[in-house]
PDB file of N, CA and C in Angstrom:
ATOM      1  N   UNK A   1      12.635 -10.605  22.797  1.00  0.00           N
ATOM      2  CA  UNK A   1      13.455 -10.642  24.040  1.00  0.00           C
ATOM      3  C   UNK A   1      13.037  -9.385  24.756  1.00  0.00           C
ATOM      4  N   UNK A   2      13.334  -9.299  26.145  1.00  0.00           N
ATOM      5  CA  UNK A   2      12.992  -8.158  27.059  1.00  0.00           C
ATOM      6  C   UNK A   2      13.957  -7.033  26.625  1.00  0.00           C
ATOM      7  N   UNK A   3      14.949  -7.289  26.253  1.00  0.00           N
ATOM      8  CA  UNK A   3      15.787  -6.283  25.502  1.00  0.00           C
ATOM      9  C   UNK A   3      15.507  -5.655  24.308  1.00  0.00           C
ATOM     10  N   UNK A   4      14.517  -6.114  23.660  1.00  0.00           N
ATOM     11  CA  UNK A   4      13.970  -5.842  22.404  1.00  0.00           C
ATOM     12  C   UNK A   4      14.602  -6.579  21.217  1.00  0.00           C
ATOM     13  N   UNK A   5      15.530  -7.419  21.522  1.00  0.00           N
ATOM     14  CA  UNK A   5      16.568  -8.169  20.488  1.00  0.00           C
ATOM     15  C   UNK A   5      15.506  -9.503  19.907  1.00  0.00           C
ATOM     16  N   UNK A   6      15.962  -9.637  18.623  1.00  0.00           N
ATOM     17  CA  UNK A   6      14.939 -10.345  18.133  1.00  0.00           C
ATOM     18  C   UNK A   6      15.667 -11.577  17.089  1.00  0.00           C
ATOM     19  N   UNK A   7      15.384 -12.628  17.293  1.00  0.00           N
ATOM     20  CA  UNK A   7      16.223 -13.801  16.565  1.00  0.00           C
ATOM     21  C   UNK A   7      15.062 -14.459  15.871  1.00  0.00           C
ATOM     22  N   UNK A   8      15.570 -14.642  14.431  1.00  0.00           N
ATOM     23  CA  UNK A   8      14.533 -15.422  13.606  1.00  0.00           C
ATOM     24  C   UNK A   8      15.510 -16.652  13.079  1.00  0.00           C
ATOM     25  N   UNK A   9      14.909 -18.016  13.277  1.00  0.00           N
ATOM     26  CA  UNK A   9      15.568 -18.830  13.164  1.00  0.00           C
ATOM     27  C   UNK A   9      14.767 -20.340  13.404  1.00  0.00           C
ATOM     28  N   UNK A  10      15.607 -21.324  13.705  1.00  0.00           N
ATOM     29  CA  UNK A  10      15.178 -22.831  13.788  1.00  0.00           C
ATOM     30  C   UNK A  10      15.536 -23.182  15.433  1.00  0.00           C
ATOM     31  N   UNK A  11      14.628 -23.832  15.787  1.00  0.00           N
ATOM     32  CA  UNK A  11      14.832 -24.531  17.206  1.00  0.00           C
ATOM     33  C   UNK A  11      15.191 -25.931  16.952  1.00  0.00           C
ATOM     34  N   UNK A  12      16.465 -26.437  17.144  1.00  0.00           N
ATOM     35  CA  UNK A  12      16.954 -27.738  16.785  1.00  0.00           C
ATOM     36  C   UNK A  12      16.426 -28.803  17.799  1.00  0.00           C
ATOM     37  N   UNK A  13      16.070 -28.572  18.945  1.00  0.00           N
ATOM     38  CA  UNK A  13      15.702 -29.338  19.827  1.00  0.00           C
ATOM     39  C   UNK A  13      14.343 -28.976  20.585  1.00  0.00           C
ATOM     40  N   UNK A  14      13.446 -29.784  20.652  1.00  0.00           N
ATOM     41  CA  UNK A  14      12.277 -29.554  21.565  1.00  0.00           C
ATOM     42  C   UNK A  14      12.380 -30.233  22.733  1.00  0.00           C
ATOM     43  N   UNK A  15      12.282 -29.737  24.073  1.00  0.00           N
ATOM     44  CA  UNK A  15      12.710 -30.525  25.219  1.00  0.00           C
ATOM     45  C   UNK A  15      11.319 -31.141  25.728  1.00  0.00           C
ATOM     46  N   UNK A  16      11.461 -32.081  26.231  1.00  0.00           N
ATOM     47  CA  UNK A  16      10.222 -32.800  26.919  1.00  0.00           C
ATOM     48  C   UNK A  16      10.238 -32.638  28.546  1.00  0.00           C
ATOM     49  N   UNK A  17      11.260 -32.397  29.037  1.00  0.00           N
ATOM     50  CA  UNK A  17      11.527 -32.015  30.419  1.00  0.00           C
ATOM     51  C   UNK A  17      11.513 -30.636  30.637  1.00  0.00           C
ATOM     52  N   UNK A  18      11.344 -30.189  31.898  1.00  0.00           N
ATOM     53  CA  UNK A  18      11.481 -28.820  32.080  1.00  0.00           C
ATOM     54  C   UNK A  18      12.749 -28.205  31.793  1.00  0.00           C
ATOM     55  N   UNK A  19      12.960 -27.050  31.328  1.00  0.00           N
ATOM     56  CA  UNK A  19      14.045 -26.470  30.847  1.00  0.00           C
ATOM     57  C   UNK A  19      14.181 -24.936  31.227  1.00  0.00           C
ATOM     58  N   UNK A  20      15.392 -24.507  31.142  1.00  0.00           N
ATOM     59  CA  UNK A  20      15.477 -22.964  31.299  1.00  0.00           C
ATOM     60  C   UNK A  20      15.840 -22.113  30.229  1.00  0.00           C
ATOM     61  N   UNK A  21      16.411 -22.769  29.234  1.00  0.00           N
ATOM     62  CA  UNK A  21      16.898 -22.011  27.973  1.00  0.00           C
ATOM     63  C   UNK A  21      16.261 -22.823  26.726  1.00  0.00           C
ATOM     64  N   UNK A  22      16.197 -22.054  25.685  1.00  0.00           N
ATOM     65  CA  UNK A  22      15.748 -22.578  24.272  1.00  0.00           C
ATOM     66  C   UNK A  22      16.788 -22.257  23.315  1.00  0.00           C
ATOM     67  N   UNK A  23      17.450 -23.236  22.611  1.00  0.00           N
ATOM     68  CA  UNK A  23      18.708 -22.857  21.698  1.00  0.00           C
ATOM     69  C   UNK A  23      18.003 -22.698  20.254  1.00  0.00           C
ATOM     70  N   UNK A  24      18.434 -21.631  19.510  1.00  0.00           N
ATOM     71  CA  UNK A  24      18.106 -21.467  18.316  1.00  0.00           C
ATOM     72  C   UNK A  24      19.429 -21.136  17.513  1.00  0.00           C
ATOM     73  N   UNK A  25      19.136 -21.728  16.118  1.00  0.00           N
ATOM     74  CA  UNK A  25      20.019 -21.448  15.167  1.00  0.00           C
ATOM     75  C   UNK A  25      19.638 -20.380  14.276  1.00  0.00           C
ATOM     76  N   UNK A  26      20.127 -19.304  14.681  1.00  0.00           N
ATOM     77  CA  UNK A  26      19.603 -17.944  13.923  1.00  0.00           C
ATOM     78  C   UNK A  26      19.906 -17.938  12.448  1.00  0.00           C
ATOM     79  N   UNK A  27      18.967 -17.236  11.762  1.00  0.00           N
ATOM     80  CA  UNK A  27      18.820 -17.187  10.326  1.00  0.00           C
ATOM     81  C   UNK A  27      19.163 -15.583  10.063  1.00  0.00           C
ATOM     82  N   UNK A  28      18.400 -14.696  10.894  1.00  0.00           N
ATOM     83  CA  UNK A  28      18.461 -13.256  10.959  1.00  0.00           C
ATOM     84  C   UNK A  28      18.435 -12.906  12.458  1.00  0.00           C
ATOM     85  N   UNK A  29      18.907 -11.706  12.725  1.00  0.00           N
ATOM     86  CA  UNK A  29      18.830 -10.983  13.887  1.00  0.00           C
ATOM     87  C   UNK A  29      18.782  -9.954  14.002  1.00  0.00           C
ATOM     88  N   UNK A  30      18.116  -9.176  15.017  1.00  0.00           N
ATOM     89  CA  UNK A  30      18.059  -7.633  14.891  1.00  0.00           C
ATOM     90  C   UNK A  30      17.431  -7.063  16.200  1.00  0.00           C
ATOM     91  N   UNK A  31      16.704  -5.970  16.198  1.00  0.00           N
ATOM     92  CA  UNK A  31      16.071  -5.354  17.524  1.00  0.00           C
ATOM     93  C   UNK A  31      14.766  -4.900  16.922  1.00  0.00           C
ATOM     94  N   UNK A  32      13.945  -4.626  17.996  1.00  0.00           N
ATOM     95  CA  UNK A  32      12.692  -3.633  17.846  1.00  0.00           C
ATOM     96  C   UNK A  32      13.250  -2.130  18.263  1.00  0.00           C
ATOM     97  N   UNK A  33      12.828  -1.272  17.609  1.00  0.00           N
ATOM     98  CA  UNK A  33      13.149   0.177  17.616  1.00  0.00           C
ATOM     99  C   UNK A  33      12.261   0.603  18.944  1.00  0.00           C
ATOM    100  N   UNK A  34      13.107   1.237  19.955  1.00  0.00           N
ATOM    101  CA  UNK A  34      12.478   1.737  21.089  1.00  0.00           C
ATOM    102  C   UNK A  34      11.254   2.623  20.973  1.00  0.00           C
ATOM    103  N   UNK A  35      10.980   3.359  20.222  1.00  0.00           N
ATOM    104  CA  UNK A  35       9.804   4.068  19.915  1.00  0.00           C
ATOM    105  C   UNK A  35       8.563   3.313  19.416  1.00  0.00           C
ATOM    106  N   UNK A  36       8.745   2.875  18.080  1.00  0.00           N
ATOM    107  CA  UNK A  36       7.658   2.335  17.496  1.00  0.00           C
ATOM    108  C   UNK A  36       7.501   0.862  17.159  1.00  0.00           C
ATOM    109  N   UNK A  37       8.602   0.153  18.162  1.00  0.00           N
ATOM    110  CA  UNK A  37       8.668  -1.286  18.075  1.00  0.00           C
ATOM    111  C   UNK A  37       8.958  -1.926  16.595  1.00  0.00           C
ATOM    112  N   UNK A  38       9.089  -1.249  15.408  1.00  0.00           N
ATOM    113  CA  UNK A  38       9.413  -1.556  14.350  1.00  0.00           C
ATOM    114  C   UNK A  38      10.849  -2.462  14.129  1.00  0.00           C
ATOM    115  N   UNK A  39      10.615  -3.747  13.478  1.00  0.00           N
ATOM    116  CA  UNK A  39      11.466  -4.682  13.417  1.00  0.00           C
ATOM    117  C   UNK A  39      12.951  -4.112  12.510  1.00  0.00           C
ATOM    118  N   UNK A  40      13.996  -4.158  12.952  1.00  0.00           N
ATOM    119  CA  UNK A  40      15.146  -3.485  12.223  1.00  0.00           C
ATOM    120  C   UNK A  40      16.209  -4.828  12.150  1.00  0.00           C
ATOM    121  N   UNK A  41      16.030  -5.530  11.248  1.00  0.00           N
ATOM    122  CA  UNK A  41      17.167  -6.536  10.801  1.00  0.00           C
ATOM    123  C   UNK A  41      18.686  -6.068  10.994  1.00  0.00           C
ATOM    124  N   UNK A  42      19.627  -6.697  11.438  1.00  0.00           N
ATOM    125  CA  UNK A  42      20.713  -6.138  11.496  1.00  0.00           C
ATOM    126  C   UNK A  42      21.706  -7.383  11.020  1.00  0.00           C
ATOM    127  N   UNK A  43      21.805  -8.629  11.536  1.00  0.00           N
ATOM    128  CA  UNK A  43      22.776  -9.600  11.212  1.00  0.00           C
ATOM    129  C   UNK A  43      22.287 -10.539  10.520  1.00  0.00           C
ATOM    130  N   UNK A  44      22.647 -11.047   9.066  1.00  0.00           N
ATOM    131  CA  UNK A  44      22.196 -12.077   8.413  1.00  0.00           C
ATOM    132  C   UNK A  44      23.010 -13.410   8.450  1.00  0.00           C
ATOM    133  N   UNK A  45      22.754 -14.249   9.599  1.00  0.00           N
ATOM    134  CA  UNK A  45      23.526 -15.380  10.090  1.00  0.00           C
ATOM    135  C   UNK A  45      23.347 -16.227   8.779  1.00  0.00           C
ATOM    136  N   UNK A  46      22.221 -16.303   8.131  1.00  0.00           N
ATOM    137  CA  UNK A  46      22.444 -17.246   6.962  1.00  0.00           C
ATOM    138  C   UNK A  46      23.565 -17.044   6.028  1.00  0.00           C
ATOM    139  N   UNK A  47      23.726 -15.948   5.644  1.00  0.00           N
ATOM    140  CA  UNK A  47      24.832 -15.538   4.659  1.00  0.00           C
ATOM    141  C   UNK A  47      26.224 -15.853   5.261  1.00  0.00           C
ATOM    142  N   UNK A  48      26.490 -15.400   6.399  1.00  0.00           N
ATOM    143  CA  UNK A  48      27.600 -15.817   7.281  1.00  0.00           C
ATOM    144  C   UNK A  48      27.748 -17.326   7.179  1.00  0.00           C
ATOM    145  N   UNK A  49      26.588 -18.063   7.778  1.00  0.00           N
ATOM    146  CA  UNK A  49      26.864 -19.618   7.700  1.00  0.00           C
ATOM    147  C   UNK A  49      27.245 -20.173   6.394  1.00  0.00           C
ATOM    148  N   UNK A  50      26.403 -19.490   5.204  1.00  0.00           N
ATOM    149  CA  UNK A  50      26.638 -20.188   3.991  1.00  0.00           C
ATOM    150  C   UNK A  50      28.022 -19.924   3.769  1.00  0.00           C
ATOM    151  N   UNK A  51      28.767 -18.592   3.917  1.00  0.00           N
ATOM    152  CA  UNK A  51      30.084 -18.393   3.757  1.00  0.00           C
ATOM    153  C   UNK A  51      31.144 -19.458   4.329  1.00  0.00           C
ATOM    154  N   UNK A  52      30.890 -19.490   5.702  1.00  0.00           N
ATOM    155  CA  UNK A  52      31.646 -20.726   6.401  1.00  0.00           C
ATOM    156  C   UNK A  52      31.378 -22.041   5.804  1.00  0.00           C
ATOM    157  N   UNK A  53      30.165 -22.364   5.358  1.00  0.00           N
ATOM    158  CA  UNK A  53      29.936 -23.623   4.774  1.00  0.00           C
ATOM    159  C   UNK A  53      30.651 -23.910   3.429  1.00  0.00           C
ATOM    160  N   UNK A  54      30.720 -22.999   2.645  1.00  0.00           N
ATOM    161  CA  UNK A  54      31.642 -22.887   1.383  1.00  0.00           C
ATOM    162  C   UNK A  54      32.972 -22.924   1.663  1.00  0.00           C
ATOM    163  N   UNK A  55      33.563 -22.545   2.794  1.00  0.00           N
ATOM    164  CA  UNK A  55      35.134 -22.500   2.996  1.00  0.00           C
ATOM    165  C   UNK A  55      35.465 -23.841   3.484  1.00  0.00           C
ATOM    166  N   UNK A  56      34.505 -24.551   4.005  1.00  0.00           N
ATOM    167  CA  UNK A  56      35.158 -25.682   4.633  1.00  0.00           C
ATOM    168  C   UNK A  56      34.942 -26.948   3.817  1.00  0.00           C
ATOM    169  N   UNK A  57      35.486 -27.965   3.901  1.00  0.00           N
ATOM    170  CA  UNK A  57      35.298 -29.041   3.214  1.00  0.00           C
ATOM    171  C   UNK A  57      34.457 -30.284   3.990  1.00  0.00           C
ATOM    172  N   UNK A  58      34.656 -30.064   5.299  1.00  0.00           N
ATOM    173  CA  UNK A  58      33.806 -31.222   6.196  1.00  0.00           C
ATOM    174  C   UNK A  58      32.459 -30.409   6.371  1.00  0.00           C
ATOM    175  N   UNK A  59      31.924 -31.251   7.093  1.00  0.00           N
ATOM    176  CA  UNK A  59      30.283 -30.777   7.506  1.00  0.00           C
ATOM    177  C   UNK A  59      30.238 -29.869   8.328  1.00  0.00           C
ATOM    178  N   UNK A  60      29.400 -28.633   8.080  1.00  0.00           N
ATOM    179  CA  UNK A  60      29.659 -27.713   9.033  1.00  0.00           C
ATOM    180  C   UNK A  60      28.713 -27.871  10.386  1.00  0.00           C
ATOM    181  N   UNK A  61      28.899 -27.533  11.587  1.00  0.00           N
ATOM    182  CA  UNK A  61      28.596 -27.730  12.698  1.00  0.00           C
ATOM    183  C   UNK A  61      27.676 -26.481  13.000  1.00  0.00           C
ATOM    184  N   UNK A  62      26.137 -26.767  12.927  1.00  0.00           N
ATOM    185  CA  UNK A  62      25.441 -25.689  13.076  1.00  0.00           C
ATOM    186  C   UNK A  62      25.337 -25.284  14.767  1.00  0.00           C
ATOM    187  N   UNK A  63      25.549 -26.510  15.351  1.00  0.00           N
ATOM    188  CA  UNK A  63      25.499 -26.021  16.914  1.00  0.00           C
ATOM    189  C   UNK A  63      26.644 -24.845  17.230  1.00  0.00           C
ATOM    190  N   UNK A  64      27.640 -24.579  16.498  1.00  0.00           N
ATOM    191  CA  UNK A  64      28.531 -23.670  16.687  1.00  0.00           C
ATOM    192  C   UNK A  64      27.934 -22.121  16.543  1.00  0.00           C
ATOM    193  N   UNK A  65      26.868 -22.054  15.718  1.00  0.00           N
ATOM    194  CA  UNK A  65      26.100 -20.639  15.784  1.00  0.00           C
ATOM    195  C   UNK A  65      24.975 -20.605  16.503  1.00  0.00           C
ATOM    196  N   UNK A  66      24.572 -21.779  17.328  1.00  0.00           N
ATOM    197  CA  UNK A  66      23.436 -21.925  18.112  1.00  0.00           C
ATOM    198  C   UNK A  66      23.551 -20.618  19.174  1.00  0.00           C
ATOM    199  N   UNK A  67      22.488 -20.048  19.426  1.00  0.00           N
ATOM    200  CA  UNK A  67      22.298 -19.102  20.682  1.00  0.00           C
ATOM    201  C   UNK A  67      21.344 -19.619  21.666  1.00  0.00           C
ATOM    202  N   UNK A  68      21.722 -19.401  22.740  1.00  0.00           N
ATOM    203  CA  UNK A  68      20.906 -19.829  24.141  1.00  0.00           C
ATOM    204  C   UNK A  68      20.027 -18.621  24.462  1.00  0.00           C
ATOM    205  N   UNK A  69      18.681 -18.933  24.781  1.00  0.00           N
ATOM    206  CA  UNK A  69      17.805 -17.671  25.055  1.00  0.00           C
ATOM    207  C   UNK A  69      17.296 -18.029  26.259  1.00  0.00           C
ATOM    208  N   UNK A  70      17.463 -17.240  27.233  1.00  0.00           N
ATOM    209  CA  UNK A  70      16.615 -17.749  28.425  1.00  0.00           C
ATOM    210  C   UNK A  70      15.119 -17.543  28.310  1.00  0.00           C
ATOM    211  N   UNK A  71      14.480 -18.392  28.654  1.00  0.00           N
ATOM    212  CA  UNK A  71      12.837 -18.270  28.751  1.00  0.00           C
ATOM    213  C   UNK A  71      12.299 -17.021  29.295  1.00  0.00           C
ATOM    214  N   UNK A  72      13.043 -16.920  30.609  1.00  0.00           N
ATOM    215  CA  UNK A  72      12.563 -15.674  31.282  1.00  0.00           C
ATOM    216  C   UNK A  72      12.657 -14.384  30.629  1.00  0.00           C
ATOM    217  N   UNK A  73      13.341 -14.433  29.466  1.00  0.00           N
ATOM    218  CA  UNK A  73      13.711 -13.082  28.689  1.00  0.00           C
ATOM    219  C   UNK A  73      12.895 -13.086  27.410  1.00  0.00           C
ATOM    220  N   UNK A  74      12.331 -14.269  27.064  1.00  0.00           N
ATOM    221  CA  UNK A  74      11.484 -14.216  26.107  1.00  0.00           C
ATOM    222  C   UNK A  74      10.215 -13.581  26.196  1.00  0.00           C
ATOM    223  N   UNK A  75       9.776 -12.726  25.561  1.00  0.00           N
ATOM    224  CA  UNK A  75       8.456 -11.555  25.797  1.00  0.00           C
ATOM    225  C   UNK A  75       7.399 -12.420  24.757  1.00  0.00           C
ATOM    226  N   UNK A  76       7.688 -12.441  23.471  1.00  0.00           N
ATOM    227  CA  UNK A  76       6.876 -12.955  22.622  1.00  0.00           C
ATOM    228  C   UNK A  76       7.534 -14.051  21.641  1.00  0.00           C
ATOM    229  N   UNK A  77       7.034 -15.030  21.191  1.00  0.00           N
ATOM    230  CA  UNK A  77       7.485 -15.806  19.957  1.00  0.00           C
ATOM    231  C   UNK A  77       6.341 -16.351  19.096  1.00  0.00           C
ATOM    232  N   UNK A  78       6.516 -16.430  17.873  1.00  0.00           N
ATOM    233  CA  UNK A  78       5.634 -16.696  16.920  1.00  0.00           C
ATOM    234  C   UNK A  78       6.425 -17.238  15.438  1.00  0.00           C
ATOM    235  N   UNK A  79       5.532 -17.973  14.634  1.00  0.00           N
ATOM    236  CA  UNK A  79       6.313 -18.503  13.606  1.00  0.00           C
ATOM    237  C   UNK A  79       6.533 -17.139  12.356  1.00  0.00           C
ATOM    238  N   UNK A  80       7.706 -17.481  11.847  1.00  0.00           N
ATOM    239  CA  UNK A  80       7.973 -16.443  10.878  1.00  0.00           C
ATOM    240  C   UNK A  80       7.912 -17.019   9.432  1.00  0.00           C
ATOM    241  N   UNK A  81       7.088 -16.385   8.462  1.00  0.00           N
ATOM    242  CA  UNK A  81       6.989 -16.925   7.169  1.00  0.00           C
ATOM    243  C   UNK A  81       8.089 -16.107   6.265  1.00  0.00           C
ATOM    244  N   UNK A  82       9.108 -16.714   5.886  1.00  0.00           N
ATOM    245  CA  UNK A  82      10.126 -16.259   5.086  1.00  0.00           C
ATOM    246  C   UNK A  82       9.475 -15.878   3.465  1.00  0.00           C
ATOM    247  N   UNK A  83       8.770 -16.818   3.170  1.00  0.00           N
ATOM    248  CA  UNK A  83       8.167 -16.230   1.751  1.00  0.00           C
ATOM    249  C   UNK A  83       7.344 -15.338   1.747  1.00  0.00           C
ATOM    250  N   UNK A  84       6.578 -15.158   2.735  1.00  0.00           N
ATOM    251  CA  UNK A  84       5.393 -13.899   2.869  1.00  0.00           C
ATOM    252  C   UNK A  84       6.461 -12.613   3.338  1.00  0.00           C
ATOM    253  N   UNK A  85       7.470 -12.628   3.827  1.00  0.00           N
ATOM    254  CA  UNK A  85       7.728 -11.382   4.734  1.00  0.00           C
ATOM    255  C   UNK A  85       7.740 -10.213   3.654  1.00  0.00           C
ATOM    256  N   UNK A  86       8.168 -10.388   2.407  1.00  0.00           N
ATOM    257  CA  UNK A  86       8.565  -9.153   1.489  1.00  0.00           C
ATOM    258  C   UNK A  86       6.826  -8.557   1.334  1.00  0.00           C
ATOM    259  N   UNK A  87       5.839  -9.723   1.067  1.00  0.00           N
ATOM    260  CA  UNK A  87       4.505  -9.011   0.858  1.00  0.00           C
ATOM    261  C   UNK A  87       4.188  -8.266   1.812  1.00  0.00           C
ATOM    262  N   UNK A  88       4.499  -8.672   3.239  1.00  0.00           N
ATOM    263  CA  UNK A  88       4.022  -7.961   4.347  1.00  0.00           C
ATOM    264  C   UNK A  88       4.723  -6.655   4.342  1.00  0.00           C
ATOM    265  N   UNK A  89       6.226  -6.528   4.209  1.00  0.00           N
ATOM    266  CA  UNK A  89       6.902  -5.318   4.087  1.00  0.00           C
ATOM    267  C   UNK A  89       6.280  -4.078   2.943  1.00  0.00           C
ATOM    268  N   UNK A  90       5.886  -4.771   1.958  1.00  0.00           N
ATOM    269  CA  UNK A  90       5.135  -3.806   0.925  1.00  0.00           C
ATOM    270  C   UNK A  90       3.921  -3.394   1.345  1.00  0.00           C
ATOM    271  N   UNK A  91       3.176  -4.196   2.011  1.00  0.00           N
ATOM    272  CA  UNK A  91       1.864  -3.875   2.346  1.00  0.00           C
ATOM    273  C   UNK A  91       1.795  -2.699   3.661  1.00  0.00           C
ATOM    274  N   UNK A  92       3.073  -2.996   4.399  1.00  0.00           N
ATOM    275  CA  UNK A  92       3.367  -1.729   5.334  1.00  0.00           C
ATOM    276  C   UNK A  92       3.691  -0.552   4.853  1.00  0.00           C
ATOM    277  N   UNK A  93       4.300  -0.424   3.908  1.00  0.00           N
ATOM    278  CA  UNK A  93       4.696   0.647   3.074  1.00  0.00           C
ATOM    279  C   UNK A  93       3.531   1.523   2.735  1.00  0.00           C
ATOM    280  N   UNK A  94       2.541   0.652   2.147  1.00  0.00           N
ATOM    281  CA  UNK A  94       1.109   1.255   1.611  1.00  0.00           C
ATOM    282  C   UNK A  94       0.174   1.761   2.750  1.00  0.00           C
ATOM    283  N   UNK A  95       0.479   1.271   4.032  1.00  0.00           N
ATOM    284  CA  UNK A  95      -0.495   1.588   5.205  1.00  0.00           C
ATOM    285  C   UNK A  95       0.058   2.827   5.778  1.00  0.00           C
ATOM    286  N   UNK A  96      -0.964   3.816   6.098  1.00  0.00           N
ATOM    287  CA  UNK A  96      -0.632   4.993   6.707  1.00  0.00           C
ATOM    288  C   UNK A  96      -1.371   4.845   7.853  1.00  0.00           C
ATOM    289  N   UNK A  97      -1.034   5.193   9.164  1.00  0.00           N
ATOM    290  CA  UNK A  97      -1.507   4.994  10.207  1.00  0.00           C
ATOM    291  C   UNK A  97      -1.359   6.383  11.154  1.00  0.00           C
ATOM    292  N   UNK A  98      -2.608   6.789  11.768  1.00  0.00           N
ATOM    293  CA  UNK A  98      -2.688   8.024  12.541  1.00  0.00           C
ATOM    294  C   UNK A  98      -3.170   7.742  13.953  1.00  0.00           C
ATOM    295  N   UNK A  99      -3.197   7.954  15.103  1.00  0.00           N
ATOM    296  CA  UNK A  99      -3.659   7.671  16.211  1.00  0.00           C
ATOM    297  C   UNK A  99      -4.072   9.306  16.779  1.00  0.00           C
ATOM    298  N   UNK A 100      -5.188   9.270  17.412  1.00  0.00           N
ATOM    299  CA  UNK A 100      -5.759  10.375  18.191  1.00  0.00           C
ATOM    300  C   UNK A 100      -6.833   9.915  19.019  1.00  0.00           C
ATOM    301  N   UNK A 101      -7.919  10.477  19.021  1.00  0.00           N
ATOM    302  CA  UNK A 101      -9.058  10.018  19.846  1.00  0.00           C
ATOM    303  C   UNK A 101      -9.328   8.544  18.923  1.00  0.00           C
ATOM    304  N   UNK A 102      -8.965   8.708  17.708  1.00  0.00           N
ATOM    305  CA  UNK A 102      -9.775   7.278  16.850  1.00  0.00           C
ATOM    306  C   UNK A 102      -8.544   7.144  16.055  1.00  0.00           C
ATOM    307  N   UNK A 103      -8.588   5.647  15.706  1.00  0.00           N
ATOM    308  CA  UNK A 103      -7.670   4.952  14.909  1.00  0.00           C
ATOM    309  C   UNK A 103      -8.115   5.315  13.581  1.00  0.00           C
ATOM    310  N   UNK A 104      -7.456   5.588  12.624  1.00  0.00           N
ATOM    311  CA  UNK A 104      -7.561   5.937  11.425  1.00  0.00           C
ATOM    312  C   UNK A 104      -6.501   5.101  10.227  1.00  0.00           C
ATOM    313  N   UNK A 105      -7.184   4.026   9.458  1.00  0.00           N
ATOM    314  CA  UNK A 105      -6.017   3.627   8.537  1.00  0.00           C
ATOM    315  C   UNK A 105      -6.394   4.009   7.132  1.00  0.00           C
ATOM    316  N   UNK A 106      -5.349   4.360   6.288  1.00  0.00           N
ATOM    317  CA  UNK A 106      -5.295   4.371   4.891  1.00  0.00           C
ATOM    318  C   UNK A 106      -4.693   3.289   4.239  1.00  0.00           C
ATOM    319  N   UNK A 107      -5.446   2.852   3.402  1.00  0.00           N
ATOM    320  CA  UNK A 107      -4.580   1.554   2.622  1.00  0.00           C
ATOM    321  C   UNK A 107      -4.970   1.837   1.171  1.00  0.00           C
ATOM    322  N   UNK A 108      -4.074   1.922   0.242  1.00  0.00           N
ATOM    323  CA  UNK A 108      -4.282   2.320  -0.977  1.00  0.00           C
ATOM    324  C   UNK A 108      -5.391   3.538  -1.295  1.00  0.00           C
ATOM    325  N   UNK A 109      -5.000   4.427  -0.589  1.00  0.00           N
ATOM    326  CA  UNK A 109      -5.485   5.584  -0.694  1.00  0.00           C
ATOM    327  C   UNK A 109      -7.250   5.615  -0.386  1.00  0.00           C
ATOM    328  N   UNK A 110      -7.378   4.397   0.424  1.00  0.00           N
ATOM    329  CA  UNK A 110      -8.861   4.208   0.799  1.00  0.00           C
ATOM    330  C   UNK A 110      -8.798   4.152   2.519  1.00  0.00           C
ATOM    331  N   UNK A 111      -9.895   4.921   2.975  1.00  0.00           N
ATOM    332  CA  UNK A 111      -9.787   5.001   4.163  1.00  0.00           C
ATOM    333  C   UNK A 111     -10.601   4.107   4.988  1.00  0.00           C
ATOM    334  N   UNK A 112     -10.157   3.279   5.950  1.00  0.00           N
ATOM    335  CA  UNK A 112     -10.692   1.976   6.588  1.00  0.00           C
ATOM    336  C   UNK A 112     -11.060   2.754   7.996  1.00  0.00           C
ATOM    337  N   UNK A 113     -12.142   2.448   8.261  1.00  0.00           N
ATOM    338  CA  UNK A 113     -12.526   2.950   9.632  1.00  0.00           C
ATOM    339  C   UNK A 113     -12.959   1.874  10.727  1.00  0.00           C
ATOM    340  N   UNK A 114     -12.281   1.957  11.555  1.00  0.00           N
ATOM    341  CA  UNK A 114     -12.453   0.632  12.818  1.00  0.00           C
ATOM    342  C   UNK A 114     -13.067   1.118  14.204  1.00  0.00           C
ATOM    343  N   UNK A 115     -13.580   2.662  14.012  1.00  0.00           N
ATOM    344  CA  UNK A 115     -14.232   2.944  15.181  1.00  0.00           C
ATOM    345  C   UNK A 115     -15.495   2.801  15.645  1.00  0.00           C
ATOM    346  N   UNK A 116     -16.343   1.727  15.236  1.00  0.00           N
ATOM    347  CA  UNK A 116     -17.654   1.381  15.438  1.00  0.00           C
ATOM    348  C   UNK A 116     -17.883   1.289  17.091  1.00  0.00           C
TER     349      UNK A 116
END
């Protein structure tokens, strides 16, 4: 989002006609750090939905958790792979990055040079 807010979730309806907002059932939400844009997850909607689901005997209305996101505020959207998320996090911890006149990456103590 333009305010650095991030929602990870499911889009329950795909519109065929023009629309202004997209609705998302969030699984996680957070924000991008203002300095390095690193994703900081804050709200585990999945856990909250699961708790509410267990407290009720009737079927849970997921639309009660739906968040409407104005299209004009969405800066970027892409698929999120929950199964590979931890793999990416581990790889990011191993990656050292420095920026000067050149880009230098170090991965598993090996220098990777992309300055050709």
